[in-house]
Amino acid sequence: MAPHRARRRRTRPSGHRTLLCTAVASAVLVGGTAAGTVYVKAQAHDGGGLVSSSSAASGASPDASQPTSGETSVEPVTEPSVDRAALLAKGMRAVTVAPGATVSVAVLDLDSGESTAYGGGSFDTASIVKVDILATLLLQAQDADRRLTAQEKTYATAMIANSDNASASALWDAIGRADGLDAANDRFGLHGTTGGDGALWGLTRTTAADQLALLQQVLEDDSQLTKASRTYLQGLMGEIAADQRWGVSAAADGSGWALKNGWLPRSTTGLWDVNSIGRITADGHDYLVAALSDGNSTKARGISLVEAAARAAVSVFSAT
């Protein structure tokens, strides 16, 4: 196993909901209950003291015989929130994880902006790091105000579409190995990812949350990469060799995906690292999904595990 240098962890993205409130009097939020009841202080338009929201709305004067604490309970005005993490944890209970194996999955619904994750810790990237390598090369080329050379493009196509290791090694050297990757990842917001030692790019360590952040850099507009760079990388991720079209694409409905998988038998244990990252479409929604696993007895079992995890993650959103 490659040594893991401690880095700061990136906070997982979370969804946001808007609180809407209609009142005649101007209101100041002062507290709330766990059940969702919102408490407000309402000030009358004439500036004379605190009144209840119901009195303000009706125009009636406050009842002097009643204590005026200045606080009143109003009906909740937000939709009930969905605990996506709890739903995913429940869904993952139906996923078979063999003894000794570990899995982590993260998903982002691009339509709602909500995300959730299951599992933690860091994993060997195996070949999913090839997306990171090419993203780093593209960022370095942008900084130098140059285009990729014909040779670099040849390596990039073979590395992403066919998962060619020799091409990955050539581009790993071109970006400055781990130092180059780590510098780019600092800008990409991947603070839990550490490049592999020496020539061992496949032993880069990462988290599911970081891979979700990488996918956002590669596939979304708010990115360190230019539109041209993103379009180029996305195109390669949509041309994966037929025998490698497994993984998170199992959660897609067939209408489109961009994908990169990684698989690596560890010589020290004989067990397999199997990972998958990408963008998929299901039920008319677009999702970014990262599923990482290690300790698998065979490659086939690792593939089954990450596919089941990806389906469970996407179902958290598609079922509601």
Protein backbone atom coordinates (compact mmCIF):
# COMPACT_ATOMS: atom_id res chain seq x y z
CA MET A 1 0.00 0.00 0.00
CA ALA A 2 1.30 3.47 -0.77
CA PRO A 3 1.87 5.62 2.33
CA HIS A 4 -0.91 8.09 2.92
CA ARG A 5 0.17 11.60 3.81
CA ALA A 6 -2.37 13.42 5.92
CA ARG A 7 -4.17 16.17 4.03
CA ARG A 8 -7.17 18.36 4.80
CA ARG A 9 -10.46 16.76 3.91
CA ARG A 10 -12.84 18.51 1.57
CA THR A 11 -16.27 19.14 3.03
CA ARG A 12 -18.93 17.24 1.20
CA PRO A 13 -21.31 19.38 -0.81
CA SER A 14 -24.77 19.74 0.64
CA GLY A 15 -28.16 20.83 -0.67
CA HIS A 16 -29.80 24.11 0.30
CA ARG A 17 -33.47 24.91 0.78
CA THR A 18 -35.09 28.33 0.78
CA LEU A 19 -37.25 29.40 3.70
CA LEU A 20 -40.29 31.35 2.53
CA CYS A 21 -42.43 33.41 4.87
CA THR A 22 -45.30 35.80 4.11
CA ALA A 23 -46.42 38.36 6.70
CA VAL A 24 -47.91 41.85 6.74
CA ALA A 25 -45.72 42.93 9.66
CA SER A 26 -41.95 43.01 9.28
CA ALA A 27 -40.54 39.89 11.00
CA VAL A 28 -37.25 38.90 12.59
CA LEU A 29 -36.42 35.20 12.95
CA VAL A 30 -35.37 34.41 16.48
CA GLY A 31 -35.57 30.65 16.87
CA GLY A 32 -37.20 27.37 16.00
CA THR A 33 -38.00 23.90 17.22
CA ALA A 34 -36.76 20.50 16.11
CA ALA A 35 -40.23 19.84 14.73
CA GLY A 36 -39.81 22.68 12.28
CA THR A 37 -42.01 25.31 13.98
CA VAL A 38 -40.59 28.76 13.33
CA TYR A 39 -40.75 31.54 15.92
CA VAL A 40 -40.74 35.20 14.88
CA LYS A 41 -40.79 38.61 16.48
CA ALA A 42 -43.13 40.84 14.51
CA GLN A 43 -43.00 44.64 14.67
CA ALA A 44 -46.15 46.63 13.86
CA HIS A 45 -45.97 49.20 11.10
CA ASP A 46 -46.70 52.02 13.55
CA GLY A 47 -43.54 51.13 15.45
CA GLY A 48 -45.49 50.52 18.65
CA GLY A 49 -44.29 47.35 20.32
CA LEU A 50 -44.27 43.66 19.40
CA VAL A 51 -47.45 41.98 18.17
CA SER A 52 -48.36 38.47 17.06
CA SER A 53 -48.32 37.68 13.37
CA SER A 54 -52.05 36.97 13.46
CA SER A 55 -52.84 40.38 14.99
CA ALA A 56 -50.62 42.13 12.48
CA ALA A 57 -52.28 40.35 9.60
CA SER A 58 -55.82 41.22 10.74
CA GLY A 59 -55.08 44.77 11.77
CA ALA A 60 -56.47 44.10 15.27
CA SER A 61 -54.87 45.59 18.36
CA PRO A 62 -53.10 43.30 20.80
CA ASP A 63 -55.20 42.10 23.72
CA ALA A 64 -53.91 44.01 26.72
CA SER A 65 -55.23 41.29 29.02
CA GLN A 66 -52.87 38.75 27.55
CA PRO A 67 -49.13 38.70 28.13
CA THR A 68 -47.20 39.92 25.10
CA SER A 69 -44.01 37.92 25.07
CA GLY A 70 -43.28 39.11 21.55
CA GLU A 71 -43.02 35.54 20.24
CA THR A 72 -45.61 33.53 18.39
CA SER A 73 -45.67 30.14 16.70
CA VAL A 74 -46.50 30.10 13.01
CA GLU A 75 -47.08 27.18 10.66
CA PRO A 76 -43.91 25.64 9.21
CA VAL A 77 -43.20 27.10 5.80
CA THR A 78 -40.55 24.68 4.51
CA GLU A 79 -41.13 21.37 2.85
CA PRO A 80 -40.15 18.37 5.01
CA SER A 81 -36.49 17.63 4.36
CA VAL A 82 -35.43 14.20 3.14
CA ASP A 83 -32.61 12.51 5.02
CA ARG A 84 -30.68 11.28 2.00
CA ALA A 85 -27.85 9.88 4.09
CA ALA A 86 -30.26 7.73 6.09
CA LEU A 87 -31.93 6.53 2.91
CA LEU A 88 -28.58 5.63 1.38
CA ALA A 89 -27.45 3.82 4.53
CA LYS A 90 -30.69 1.83 4.41
CA GLY A 91 -30.20 1.06 0.70
CA MET A 92 -26.63 -0.06 1.28
CA ARG A 93 -27.83 -2.65 3.80
CA ALA A 94 -29.17 -4.57 0.81
CA VAL A 95 -25.76 -4.48 -0.90
CA THR A 96 -23.60 -7.54 -0.34
CA VAL A 97 -20.16 -6.55 0.94
CA ALA A 98 -17.91 -9.57 1.32
CA PRO A 99 -15.88 -9.99 4.52
CA GLY A 100 -12.71 -7.93 4.24
CA ALA A 101 -14.06 -5.69 1.47
CA THR A 102 -14.76 -1.99 1.93
CA VAL A 103 -16.90 0.36 -0.16
CA SER A 104 -17.63 4.07 -0.25
CA VAL A 105 -20.00 5.91 -2.59
CA ALA A 106 -20.90 9.55 -3.13
CA VAL A 107 -23.57 11.05 -5.40
CA LEU A 108 -24.59 14.55 -6.47
CA ASP A 109 -27.93 15.34 -8.10
CA LEU A 110 -27.02 18.08 -10.57
CA ASP A 111 -30.62 19.23 -10.88
CA SER A 112 -31.27 19.88 -7.18
CA GLY A 113 -27.69 20.38 -6.02
CA GLU A 114 -28.23 17.84 -3.24
CA SER A 115 -25.59 15.25 -2.46
CA THR A 116 -25.01 12.39 -0.06
CA ALA A 117 -22.39 9.76 0.67
CA TYR A 118 -21.88 6.42 2.35
CA GLY A 119 -18.66 5.14 3.89
CA GLY A 120 -15.43 6.99 4.43
CA GLY A 121 -11.70 6.60 4.42
CA SER A 122 -9.27 6.68 1.51
CA PHE A 123 -8.72 4.17 -1.28
CA ASP A 124 -6.14 3.41 -3.96
CA THR A 125 -7.29 5.09 -7.14
CA ALA A 126 -6.05 2.45 -9.59
CA SER A 127 -6.91 3.76 -13.08
CA ILE A 128 -9.53 6.34 -12.13
CA VAL A 129 -6.54 8.62 -11.42
CA LYS A 130 -6.12 8.84 -15.18
CA VAL A 131 -8.91 11.42 -15.25
CA ASP A 132 -6.99 13.43 -12.65
CA ILE A 133 -3.75 13.07 -14.62
CA LEU A 134 -5.34 14.43 -17.80
CA ALA A 135 -7.13 17.21 -15.90
CA THR A 136 -3.76 18.20 -14.43
CA LEU A 137 -2.08 18.14 -17.86
CA LEU A 138 -4.86 20.34 -19.28
CA LEU A 139 -4.57 22.78 -16.38
CA GLN A 140 -0.80 23.01 -16.82
CA ALA A 141 -1.27 23.60 -20.57
CA GLN A 142 -3.76 26.38 -19.81
CA ASP A 143 -1.26 28.00 -17.45
CA ALA A 144 1.39 27.86 -20.17
CA ASP A 145 -1.10 29.21 -22.75
CA ARG A 146 -0.54 26.26 -25.05
CA ARG A 147 -2.45 23.41 -26.64
CA LEU A 148 -1.73 19.74 -26.05
CA THR A 149 0.77 18.30 -28.49
CA ALA A 150 -0.20 15.59 -30.95
CA GLN A 151 1.74 13.06 -28.86
CA GLU A 152 0.00 14.15 -25.65
CA LYS A 153 -3.38 13.75 -27.33
CA THR A 154 -2.42 10.27 -28.50
CA TYR A 155 -1.46 9.34 -24.95
CA ALA A 156 -4.63 10.93 -23.54
CA THR A 157 -6.93 9.01 -25.86
CA ALA A 158 -5.28 5.69 -25.11
CA MET A 159 -5.14 6.42 -21.38
CA ILE A 160 -8.83 7.34 -20.97
CA ALA A 161 -10.65 5.40 -23.68
CA ASN A 162 -8.57 2.21 -23.42
CA SER A 163 -7.06 2.65 -19.93
CA ASP A 164 -3.58 2.18 -21.39
CA ASN A 165 -1.03 2.12 -18.58
CA ALA A 166 2.04 3.00 -20.63
CA SER A 167 0.31 6.16 -21.82
CA ALA A 168 -0.65 6.99 -18.24
CA SER A 169 2.98 6.59 -17.16
CA ALA A 170 4.15 8.92 -19.92
CA LEU A 171 1.68 11.64 -18.90
CA TRP A 172 2.38 11.05 -15.19
CA ASP A 173 5.99 11.92 -15.91
CA ALA A 174 4.90 14.89 -18.06
CA ILE A 175 2.88 16.51 -15.25
CA GLY A 176 5.67 16.11 -12.70
CA ARG A 177 4.30 12.96 -11.05
CA ALA A 178 2.80 13.36 -7.57
CA ASP A 179 4.05 16.93 -7.11
CA GLY A 180 2.28 18.08 -10.25
CA LEU A 181 -0.88 16.16 -9.43
CA ASP A 182 -1.03 17.44 -5.85
CA ALA A 183 -0.51 21.05 -6.93
CA ALA A 184 -3.37 20.81 -9.43
CA ASN A 185 -5.59 19.07 -6.89
CA ASP A 186 -5.09 21.93 -4.44
CA ARG A 187 -6.66 24.17 -7.07
CA PHE A 188 -9.34 21.63 -7.91
CA GLY A 189 -10.34 21.36 -4.24
CA LEU A 190 -9.24 17.75 -3.77
CA HIS A 191 -7.79 18.00 -0.27
CA GLY A 192 -8.04 14.31 0.63
CA THR A 193 -6.07 13.02 -2.37
CA THR A 194 -2.33 12.29 -2.38
CA GLY A 195 -0.32 11.30 -5.45
CA GLY A 196 1.36 7.90 -5.50
CA ASP A 197 5.08 7.58 -4.76
CA GLY A 198 7.51 7.67 -7.65
CA ALA A 199 6.13 6.03 -10.77
CA LEU A 200 3.21 4.41 -8.86
CA TRP A 201 0.36 6.62 -10.09
CA GLY A 202 -2.15 3.79 -9.45
CA LEU A 203 -1.42 3.98 -5.73
CA THR A 204 -2.59 7.56 -5.47
CA ARG A 205 -4.93 7.71 -2.46
CA THR A 206 -8.32 9.40 -2.65
CA THR A 207 -11.83 9.60 -1.19
CA ALA A 208 -15.27 9.32 -2.76
CA ALA A 209 -15.95 12.97 -1.84
CA ASP A 210 -12.78 14.09 -3.62
CA GLN A 211 -13.69 12.13 -6.73
CA LEU A 212 -17.07 13.88 -6.74
CA ALA A 213 -15.19 17.20 -6.57
CA LEU A 214 -12.96 16.10 -9.46
CA LEU A 215 -16.00 15.19 -11.56
CA GLN A 216 -17.41 18.66 -10.92
CA GLN A 217 -14.16 20.19 -12.19
CA VAL A 218 -14.20 17.99 -15.28
CA LEU A 219 -17.91 18.03 -16.09
CA GLU A 220 -19.39 21.27 -14.73
CA ASP A 221 -19.03 24.95 -15.61
CA ASP A 222 -17.68 26.21 -12.27
CA SER A 223 -14.19 24.86 -12.84
CA GLN A 224 -10.50 25.65 -13.02
CA LEU A 225 -10.61 24.08 -16.48
CA THR A 226 -11.74 26.00 -19.53
CA LYS A 227 -14.77 24.93 -21.52
CA ALA A 228 -12.49 23.60 -24.26
CA SER A 229 -10.52 21.49 -21.77
CA ARG A 230 -13.69 20.12 -20.18
CA THR A 231 -15.26 19.31 -23.52
CA TYR A 232 -12.14 17.43 -24.60
CA LEU A 233 -11.94 15.32 -21.43
CA GLN A 234 -15.70 14.67 -21.38
CA GLY A 235 -15.53 13.44 -24.94
CA LEU A 236 -12.89 10.87 -24.05
CA MET A 237 -14.89 9.69 -21.02
CA GLY A 238 -17.81 9.07 -23.38
CA GLU A 239 -15.71 6.82 -25.63
CA ILE A 240 -14.70 4.13 -23.15
CA ALA A 241 -13.86 0.76 -24.70
CA ALA A 242 -16.83 -1.60 -24.81
CA ASP A 243 -15.34 -4.10 -22.37
CA GLN A 244 -14.87 -1.34 -19.77
CA ARG A 245 -18.44 0.00 -19.78
CA TRP A 246 -19.33 -1.14 -16.30
CA GLY A 247 -19.40 0.54 -12.92
CA VAL A 248 -21.48 3.64 -12.18
CA SER A 249 -23.01 3.42 -15.66
CA ALA A 250 -25.06 0.50 -14.27
CA ALA A 251 -27.23 3.15 -12.57
CA ALA A 252 -27.90 4.95 -15.87
CA ASP A 253 -31.08 4.50 -17.89
CA GLY A 254 -29.13 4.27 -21.15
CA SER A 255 -29.58 7.92 -22.14
CA GLY A 256 -25.99 8.94 -21.58
CA TRP A 257 -22.89 8.70 -19.40
CA ALA A 258 -19.25 9.75 -19.10
CA LEU A 259 -17.13 7.16 -17.33
CA LYS A 260 -13.75 6.01 -16.04
CA ASN A 261 -13.09 2.81 -14.15
CA GLY A 262 -10.10 1.48 -12.26
CA TRP A 263 -9.08 -2.01 -11.19
CA LEU A 264 -5.89 -3.20 -9.55
CA PRO A 265 -4.88 -6.52 -7.96
CA ARG A 266 -2.65 -5.77 -4.99
CA SER A 267 0.49 -7.92 -5.05
CA THR A 268 0.79 -7.78 -1.25
CA THR A 269 -2.66 -9.28 -0.59
CA GLY A 270 -3.95 -10.72 -3.85
CA LEU A 271 -7.11 -8.64 -3.32
CA TRP A 272 -8.60 -6.19 -5.80
CA ASP A 273 -9.16 -2.44 -5.77
CA VAL A 274 -12.14 -1.71 -8.03
CA ASN A 275 -13.42 1.84 -8.57
CA SER A 276 -15.76 3.73 -10.89
CA ILE A 277 -16.51 7.42 -11.39
CA GLY A 278 -18.65 9.30 -13.86
CA ARG A 279 -21.73 11.24 -14.85
CA ILE A 280 -24.92 9.33 -15.59
CA THR A 281 -28.53 10.13 -16.50
CA ALA A 282 -31.45 8.34 -14.84
CA ASP A 283 -35.15 9.24 -14.92
CA GLY A 284 -34.37 12.53 -16.61
CA HIS A 285 -31.90 13.65 -13.93
CA ASP A 286 -28.14 13.98 -14.23
CA TYR A 287 -25.93 12.63 -11.44
CA LEU A 288 -22.25 12.57 -10.61
CA VAL A 289 -21.33 9.30 -8.91
CA ALA A 290 -18.11 7.97 -7.39
CA ALA A 291 -17.94 4.39 -6.07
CA LEU A 292 -14.69 3.12 -4.55
CA SER A 293 -13.87 -0.31 -3.12
CA ASP A 294 -10.98 -2.45 -1.96
CA GLY A 295 -10.40 -5.88 -0.44
CA ASN A 296 -12.37 -7.65 -3.20
CA SER A 297 -11.48 -11.31 -3.74
CA THR A 298 -11.91 -10.97 -7.53
CA LYS A 299 -12.31 -8.20 -10.08
CA ALA A 300 -15.81 -9.46 -10.92
CA ARG A 301 -16.93 -9.20 -7.31
CA GLY A 302 -15.50 -5.70 -7.10
CA ILE A 303 -17.43 -4.68 -10.21
CA SER A 304 -20.65 -6.09 -8.74
CA LEU A 305 -20.02 -4.16 -5.52
CA VAL A 306 -19.43 -0.74 -7.08
CA GLU A 307 -22.37 -1.21 -9.45
CA ALA A 308 -24.69 -2.10 -6.59
CA ALA A 309 -23.42 0.87 -4.58
CA ALA A 310 -23.97 3.23 -7.52
CA ARG A 311 -27.54 1.98 -8.03
CA ALA A 312 -28.28 2.38 -4.32
CA ALA A 313 -26.91 5.93 -4.34
CA VAL A 314 -28.88 7.09 -7.36
CA SER A 315 -32.08 5.42 -6.10
CA VAL A 316 -31.99 7.72 -3.05
CA PHE A 317 -32.93 10.57 -5.40
CA SER A 318 -34.89 8.82 -8.14
CA ALA A 319 -37.29 7.23 -5.64
CA THR A 320 -38.40 10.57 -4.14
